[in-house]
Protein backbone atom coordinates (compact mmCIF):
# COMPACT_ATOMS: atom_id res chain seq x y z
CA MET A 1 -9.92 -4.59 45.70
CA SER A 2 -6.62 -5.56 44.03
CA ARG A 3 -4.75 -3.13 41.86
CA SER A 4 -5.26 -3.23 38.08
CA PHE A 5 -3.32 -1.86 35.10
CA LEU A 6 -5.79 -0.28 32.68
CA SER A 7 -3.78 2.80 31.69
CA LEU A 8 -0.31 4.23 32.24
CA SER A 9 -1.95 6.97 34.32
CA SER A 10 -2.54 4.33 37.01
CA LEU A 11 1.24 4.27 37.64
CA THR A 12 3.38 6.86 39.35
CA ARG A 13 6.47 8.03 37.49
CA GLU A 14 8.60 6.02 39.94
CA GLU A 15 6.58 2.84 39.30
CA PHE A 16 6.74 3.36 35.51
CA ASN A 17 10.53 3.69 35.61
CA ALA A 18 10.90 0.78 38.04
CA LEU A 19 8.89 -1.47 35.69
CA ILE A 20 11.11 -0.53 32.74
CA ASP A 21 14.26 -1.12 34.78
CA ARG A 22 12.94 -4.48 35.97
CA ALA A 23 12.02 -5.49 32.41
CA ILE A 24 15.48 -4.60 31.10
CA ALA A 25 17.18 -6.50 33.95
CA GLY A 26 14.97 -9.55 33.36
CA LYS A 27 15.67 -9.46 29.63
CA LYS A 28 19.43 -9.52 30.32
CA ASN A 29 19.13 -12.24 32.96
CA PRO A 30 15.94 -14.33 32.59
CA SER A 31 16.73 -16.41 35.70
CA ALA A 32 16.30 -13.23 37.79
CA TRP A 33 12.52 -13.51 37.43
CA GLY A 34 12.17 -16.68 39.45
CA ARG A 35 8.61 -18.06 39.52
CA PRO A 36 6.44 -15.32 41.08
CA LEU A 37 3.26 -16.77 39.52
CA GLU A 38 3.79 -20.30 40.87
CA GLY A 39 0.39 -21.86 41.53
CA LYS A 40 -1.51 -18.94 39.96
CA SER A 41 -3.94 -19.04 37.02
CA ILE A 42 -4.32 -16.04 34.70
CA ALA A 43 -7.14 -15.68 32.17
CA LEU A 44 -6.12 -14.21 28.82
CA PHE A 45 -9.42 -12.96 27.39
CA PHE A 46 -9.58 -12.02 23.70
CA GLU A 47 -12.45 -10.26 21.97
CA LYS A 48 -10.06 -9.37 19.11
CA PRO A 49 -7.50 -11.46 17.19
CA SER A 50 -3.92 -11.11 18.33
CA THR A 51 -0.35 -12.05 17.48
CA ARG A 52 1.99 -10.21 19.88
CA THR A 53 -0.44 -9.89 22.80
CA ARG A 54 -1.39 -13.57 22.65
CA LEU A 55 2.15 -14.87 22.26
CA SER A 56 3.82 -12.54 24.75
CA PHE A 57 1.29 -12.93 27.54
CA GLU A 58 0.96 -16.70 27.22
CA VAL A 59 4.73 -17.14 27.23
CA ALA A 60 5.18 -14.58 30.05
CA VAL A 61 2.69 -16.27 32.39
CA TYR A 62 4.20 -19.71 31.66
CA GLN A 63 7.80 -18.53 32.17
CA LEU A 64 6.85 -16.87 35.48
CA GLY A 65 5.49 -20.22 36.70
CA GLY A 66 1.76 -19.57 36.22
CA GLN A 67 -1.02 -21.19 34.20
CA PRO A 68 -2.32 -19.12 31.26
CA LEU A 69 -5.95 -19.80 30.26
CA VAL A 70 -6.70 -18.43 26.79
CA LEU A 71 -10.38 -17.52 26.35
CA THR A 72 -12.42 -15.87 23.61
CA GLY A 73 -15.94 -14.51 23.86
CA GLN A 74 -17.14 -17.67 22.13
CA ASP A 75 -15.61 -19.80 24.90
CA LEU A 76 -17.69 -18.09 27.57
CA GLN A 77 -21.39 -17.68 28.26
CA ILE A 78 -21.00 -13.98 27.38
CA SER A 79 -21.70 -15.18 23.84
CA ARG A 80 -25.13 -16.37 25.03
CA GLY A 81 -26.04 -13.27 26.99
CA GLU A 82 -24.44 -13.65 30.44
CA ASP A 83 -23.48 -10.16 31.55
CA ILE A 84 -19.94 -9.04 32.24
CA ALA A 85 -20.62 -8.42 35.95
CA ASP A 86 -21.65 -12.03 36.55
CA THR A 87 -18.78 -13.32 34.42
CA ALA A 88 -16.29 -11.24 36.43
CA ARG A 89 -17.67 -12.42 39.78
CA VAL A 90 -17.30 -16.05 38.67
CA MET A 91 -13.76 -15.41 37.40
CA ARG A 92 -12.82 -14.08 40.82
CA ARG A 93 -13.58 -17.51 42.38
CA TYR A 94 -11.17 -19.36 40.05
CA LEU A 95 -8.45 -16.96 38.95
CA HIS A 96 -5.69 -14.75 40.29
CA GLY A 97 -5.72 -12.24 37.42
CA ILE A 98 -7.19 -11.35 34.03
CA MET A 99 -5.65 -9.88 30.89
CA GLY A 100 -8.23 -8.52 28.46
CA ARG A 101 -7.84 -7.54 24.80
CA VAL A 102 -11.27 -6.02 24.28
CA ARG A 103 -13.35 -3.81 22.03
CA SER A 104 -14.53 -1.38 24.70
CA HIS A 105 -12.50 0.06 27.57
CA GLU A 106 -15.68 -0.15 29.67
CA THR A 107 -15.41 -3.95 29.54
CA LEU A 108 -12.06 -3.80 31.35
CA GLU A 109 -13.41 -1.34 33.92
CA ALA A 110 -16.31 -3.71 34.61
CA LEU A 111 -14.02 -6.73 34.88
CA ALA A 112 -11.82 -4.87 37.38
CA SER A 113 -14.75 -3.51 39.37
CA TYR A 114 -16.75 -6.75 39.65
CA SER A 115 -13.92 -9.29 39.88
CA GLY A 116 -11.80 -7.45 42.45
CA ILE A 117 -8.68 -9.22 41.11
CA PRO A 118 -5.92 -7.59 39.02
CA VAL A 119 -6.99 -6.79 35.45
CA ILE A 120 -4.43 -5.89 32.78
CA ASN A 121 -5.34 -3.94 29.65
CA GLY A 122 -3.95 -5.93 26.71
CA LEU A 123 -5.68 -3.44 24.37
CA SER A 124 -8.91 -1.46 24.40
CA ASP A 125 -10.39 1.16 22.13
CA LYS A 126 -8.94 3.91 24.36
CA PHE A 127 -5.54 2.68 25.59
CA HIS A 128 -2.77 0.17 24.84
CA PRO A 129 -0.55 0.57 27.93
CA CYS A 130 1.40 -2.70 27.65
CA GLN A 131 2.56 -1.76 24.16
CA ALA A 132 3.54 1.75 25.28
CA LEU A 133 5.49 0.37 28.25
CA ALA A 134 7.45 -1.86 25.84
CA ASP A 135 7.97 1.15 23.56
CA TYR A 136 9.49 3.29 26.32
CA MET A 137 11.59 0.30 27.40
CA THR A 138 12.94 0.29 23.83
CA LEU A 139 13.78 4.00 24.14
CA ARG A 140 15.73 3.38 27.34
CA GLU A 141 17.60 0.43 25.79
CA ASN A 142 18.67 2.76 22.98
CA SER A 143 19.81 5.49 25.41
CA VAL A 144 17.12 7.95 24.37
CA PRO A 145 17.24 10.48 27.22
CA ALA A 146 14.56 12.38 29.06
CA GLY A 147 13.99 15.68 27.26
CA SER A 148 14.15 13.96 23.87
CA ARG A 149 11.75 14.67 20.99
CA PHE A 150 9.27 11.83 20.37
CA VAL A 151 7.15 12.22 17.23
CA PHE A 152 4.03 10.19 16.52
CA CYS A 153 2.67 10.43 12.97
CA GLY A 154 -0.84 9.15 12.33
CA ASP A 155 -4.20 8.94 14.07
CA GLY A 156 -3.93 11.16 17.14
CA SER A 157 -7.24 9.83 18.51
CA SER A 158 -6.01 6.22 18.60
CA ASN A 159 -5.40 4.04 21.65
CA MET A 160 -1.70 4.02 20.76
CA ALA A 161 -1.39 7.81 20.59
CA HIS A 162 -3.24 8.10 23.92
CA SER A 163 -0.91 5.66 25.68
CA LEU A 164 2.24 7.19 24.20
CA ILE A 165 1.09 10.64 25.38
CA LEU A 166 0.65 9.39 28.95
CA GLY A 167 3.93 7.46 28.83
CA SER A 168 5.81 10.53 27.63
CA ALA A 169 4.88 12.34 30.84
CA HIS A 170 6.42 9.54 32.93
CA TYR A 171 9.49 9.19 30.69
CA GLY A 172 10.09 12.92 30.63
CA CYS A 173 10.23 13.42 26.87
CA GLU A 174 8.44 15.95 24.68
CA ILE A 175 5.83 14.25 22.49
CA VAL A 176 4.67 15.75 19.20
CA ILE A 177 1.48 14.34 17.68
CA ALA A 178 1.37 14.95 13.91
CA THR A 179 -2.24 14.27 12.96
CA PRO A 180 -5.14 15.75 10.97
CA ALA A 181 -7.45 18.19 12.77
CA GLU A 182 -10.22 15.58 12.49
CA LEU A 183 -8.26 13.01 14.55
CA LEU A 184 -7.07 14.87 17.64
CA PRO A 185 -6.30 13.10 20.93
CA ALA A 186 -9.16 12.91 23.44
CA ALA A 187 -9.39 15.99 25.65
CA ASP A 188 -9.45 13.93 28.85
CA VAL A 189 -6.19 12.20 27.88
CA LEU A 190 -4.51 15.57 27.32
CA THR A 191 -5.83 16.74 30.69
CA ILE A 192 -4.38 13.68 32.44
CA ALA A 193 -1.03 14.16 30.65
CA ALA A 194 -0.91 17.79 31.78
CA ARG A 195 -1.63 16.72 35.35
CA LEU A 196 1.27 14.25 35.13
CA GLY A 197 3.59 17.02 33.92
CA GLY A 198 3.61 15.97 30.27
CA LYS A 199 4.79 18.17 27.43
CA VAL A 200 2.50 17.54 24.43
CA SER A 201 2.41 19.39 21.10
CA ILE A 202 -0.09 18.77 18.30
CA THR A 203 0.48 19.78 14.69
CA GLN A 204 -0.93 19.12 11.24
CA ASP A 205 2.55 19.45 9.69
CA ALA A 206 4.33 16.10 9.74
CA LYS A 207 7.52 17.43 8.16
CA ALA A 208 7.90 20.18 10.75
CA ALA A 209 7.13 17.66 13.51
CA ALA A 210 9.89 15.31 12.34
CA LYS A 211 12.56 18.04 12.47
CA ASP A 212 15.33 16.90 14.86
CA ALA A 213 13.23 13.98 16.15
CA ASP A 214 14.91 11.42 18.42
CA VAL A 215 12.05 8.96 17.86
CA LEU A 216 9.66 8.55 14.92
CA TYR A 217 6.64 6.34 15.57
CA THR A 218 3.65 5.27 13.53
CA ASP A 219 0.81 2.78 13.68
CA VAL A 220 -1.74 1.31 11.27
CA TRP A 221 -4.22 3.87 9.98
CA VAL A 222 -7.30 1.64 10.21
CA SER A 223 -7.76 -0.39 13.39
CA MET A 224 -9.89 -3.51 13.76
CA GLY A 225 -13.54 -2.48 13.78
CA GLU A 226 -12.94 0.67 11.69
CA GLU A 227 -13.21 -0.97 8.29
CA ALA A 228 -16.25 1.16 7.32
CA GLN A 229 -14.13 4.30 7.76
CA ALA A 230 -11.08 2.93 5.94
CA TYR A 231 -11.31 5.01 2.75
CA GLU A 232 -11.81 8.32 4.58
CA LYS A 233 -9.10 7.64 7.16
CA LYS A 234 -6.53 6.65 4.55
CA LYS A 235 -7.24 9.83 2.59
CA LEU A 236 -6.91 11.97 5.74
CA LEU A 237 -3.71 10.27 6.88
CA ALA A 238 -1.85 10.05 3.55
CA PRO A 239 0.25 13.19 4.35
CA TYR A 240 1.43 11.52 7.59
CA GLN A 241 3.19 8.52 6.04
CA LEU A 242 6.49 7.74 7.73
CA ASN A 243 8.79 7.87 4.70
CA GLU A 244 12.32 8.80 3.63
CA SER A 245 11.41 12.48 3.50
CA LEU A 246 10.39 12.49 7.17
CA LEU A 247 13.36 10.34 8.15
CA ALA A 248 15.68 12.91 6.55
CA GLN A 249 14.26 15.62 8.83
CA ALA A 250 15.05 13.68 12.00
CA LYS A 251 18.38 13.26 13.79
CA LYS A 252 20.75 10.78 12.19
CA SER A 253 20.49 8.71 15.40
CA VAL A 254 16.65 8.64 15.29
CA ILE A 255 14.99 5.35 16.16
CA VAL A 256 11.95 4.28 14.15
CA LEU A 257 9.17 2.40 15.94
CA HIS A 258 5.94 0.69 14.82
CA CYS A 259 3.77 -1.40 17.15
CA LEU A 260 2.76 -3.82 14.34
CA PRO A 261 1.07 -5.21 12.34
CA ALA A 262 2.41 -2.93 9.60
CA HIS A 263 0.80 -2.15 6.27
CA LYS A 264 3.99 -1.38 4.41
CA ASP A 265 3.88 1.49 1.94
CA GLU A 266 0.73 2.75 3.62
CA GLU A 267 1.54 4.28 7.06
CA ILE A 268 5.27 3.46 6.67
CA THR A 269 7.37 2.82 3.57
CA GLU A 270 9.13 -0.50 3.32
CA SER A 271 12.50 1.27 3.06
CA VAL A 272 11.99 3.05 6.40
CA PHE A 273 10.56 -0.11 8.00
CA GLU A 274 13.70 -2.03 6.99
CA SER A 275 16.15 0.82 7.67
CA PRO A 276 19.01 0.52 10.20
CA ASN A 277 17.17 3.12 12.31
CA ALA A 278 14.22 0.79 12.85
CA LYS A 279 14.04 -1.03 16.20
CA ILE A 280 10.62 -2.52 15.46
CA PHE A 281 11.35 -6.16 16.26
CA ASP A 282 13.25 -5.29 19.45
CA GLN A 283 10.14 -3.32 20.35
CA ALA A 284 7.95 -6.36 19.63
CA GLU A 285 10.17 -8.63 21.76
CA ASN A 286 10.01 -6.13 24.60
CA ARG A 287 6.29 -6.79 25.00
CA LEU A 288 7.30 -10.08 26.69
CA HIS A 289 9.72 -8.49 29.14
CA ALA A 290 7.60 -5.43 29.99
CA GLN A 291 4.56 -7.61 30.60
CA LYS A 292 6.53 -9.94 32.87
CA ALA A 293 7.36 -6.86 34.94
CA VAL A 294 3.67 -5.88 35.07
CA LEU A 295 2.54 -9.40 36.01
CA GLU A 296 5.14 -9.60 38.76
CA PHE A 297 4.23 -6.11 40.04
CA LEU A 298 0.50 -6.89 40.28
CA LEU A 299 0.54 -10.55 41.31
CA LYS A 300 3.70 -11.38 43.23
């Protein structure tokens, strides 16, 4: 079976750092990529709407010489009851790889297991490793060293928090998750991070967390599919807004990150979003370069 990329825990620390280095080199010199996907077809499967994942993967596959095939559930017989195992076994006969942006992480595991070709997690309910890889690439571009203090304010049980926790172990930074007691990271993710040598702290005090931070990060409070919980989540997370008060606690050189889309003046104030400390659109661009590195790594 070919290797897949479903979580950052599937990489060694050396592979993680090599992917970031490759992405940075390719960003500086696009011709260095060559055409490693020449003659290869990659399915880009979307169960959820997308801006950055759709644009970055479609452009990445094209620029690496491959053919991107964008598919939704409605384009496939899954919508009429064909099971994922049969779909995956058919995909194997036509394709060289699959990127999936899906509702359930189990869908990706089934695609990888039954197709036997490389599967990339473009987002699931549990992890968002491509985004986190681009985030840590952004840290390295901004000379944020190992041993730095990375603070995530928001839903500690989210796919983004989980992936940042795992990435912090590879990057070598301390990660502080400022989150309500009701939204703690999954125990198995913390166990994996510990096994990888990660240094993770969890607190309910956002202001204390932000003290001397090198990185401040937030994400939307209500993800797609959580609309029924929106009122309760917003009430719980209101004390964790990334605002001027938190920014003042951090180092003057702090970088502010948000994986987008942003609900300004909800999880982050517009003034912090637009501040000189924010590297949010560099971070968004880096999805393209980080994902090129992943595609090359899995499919060359």
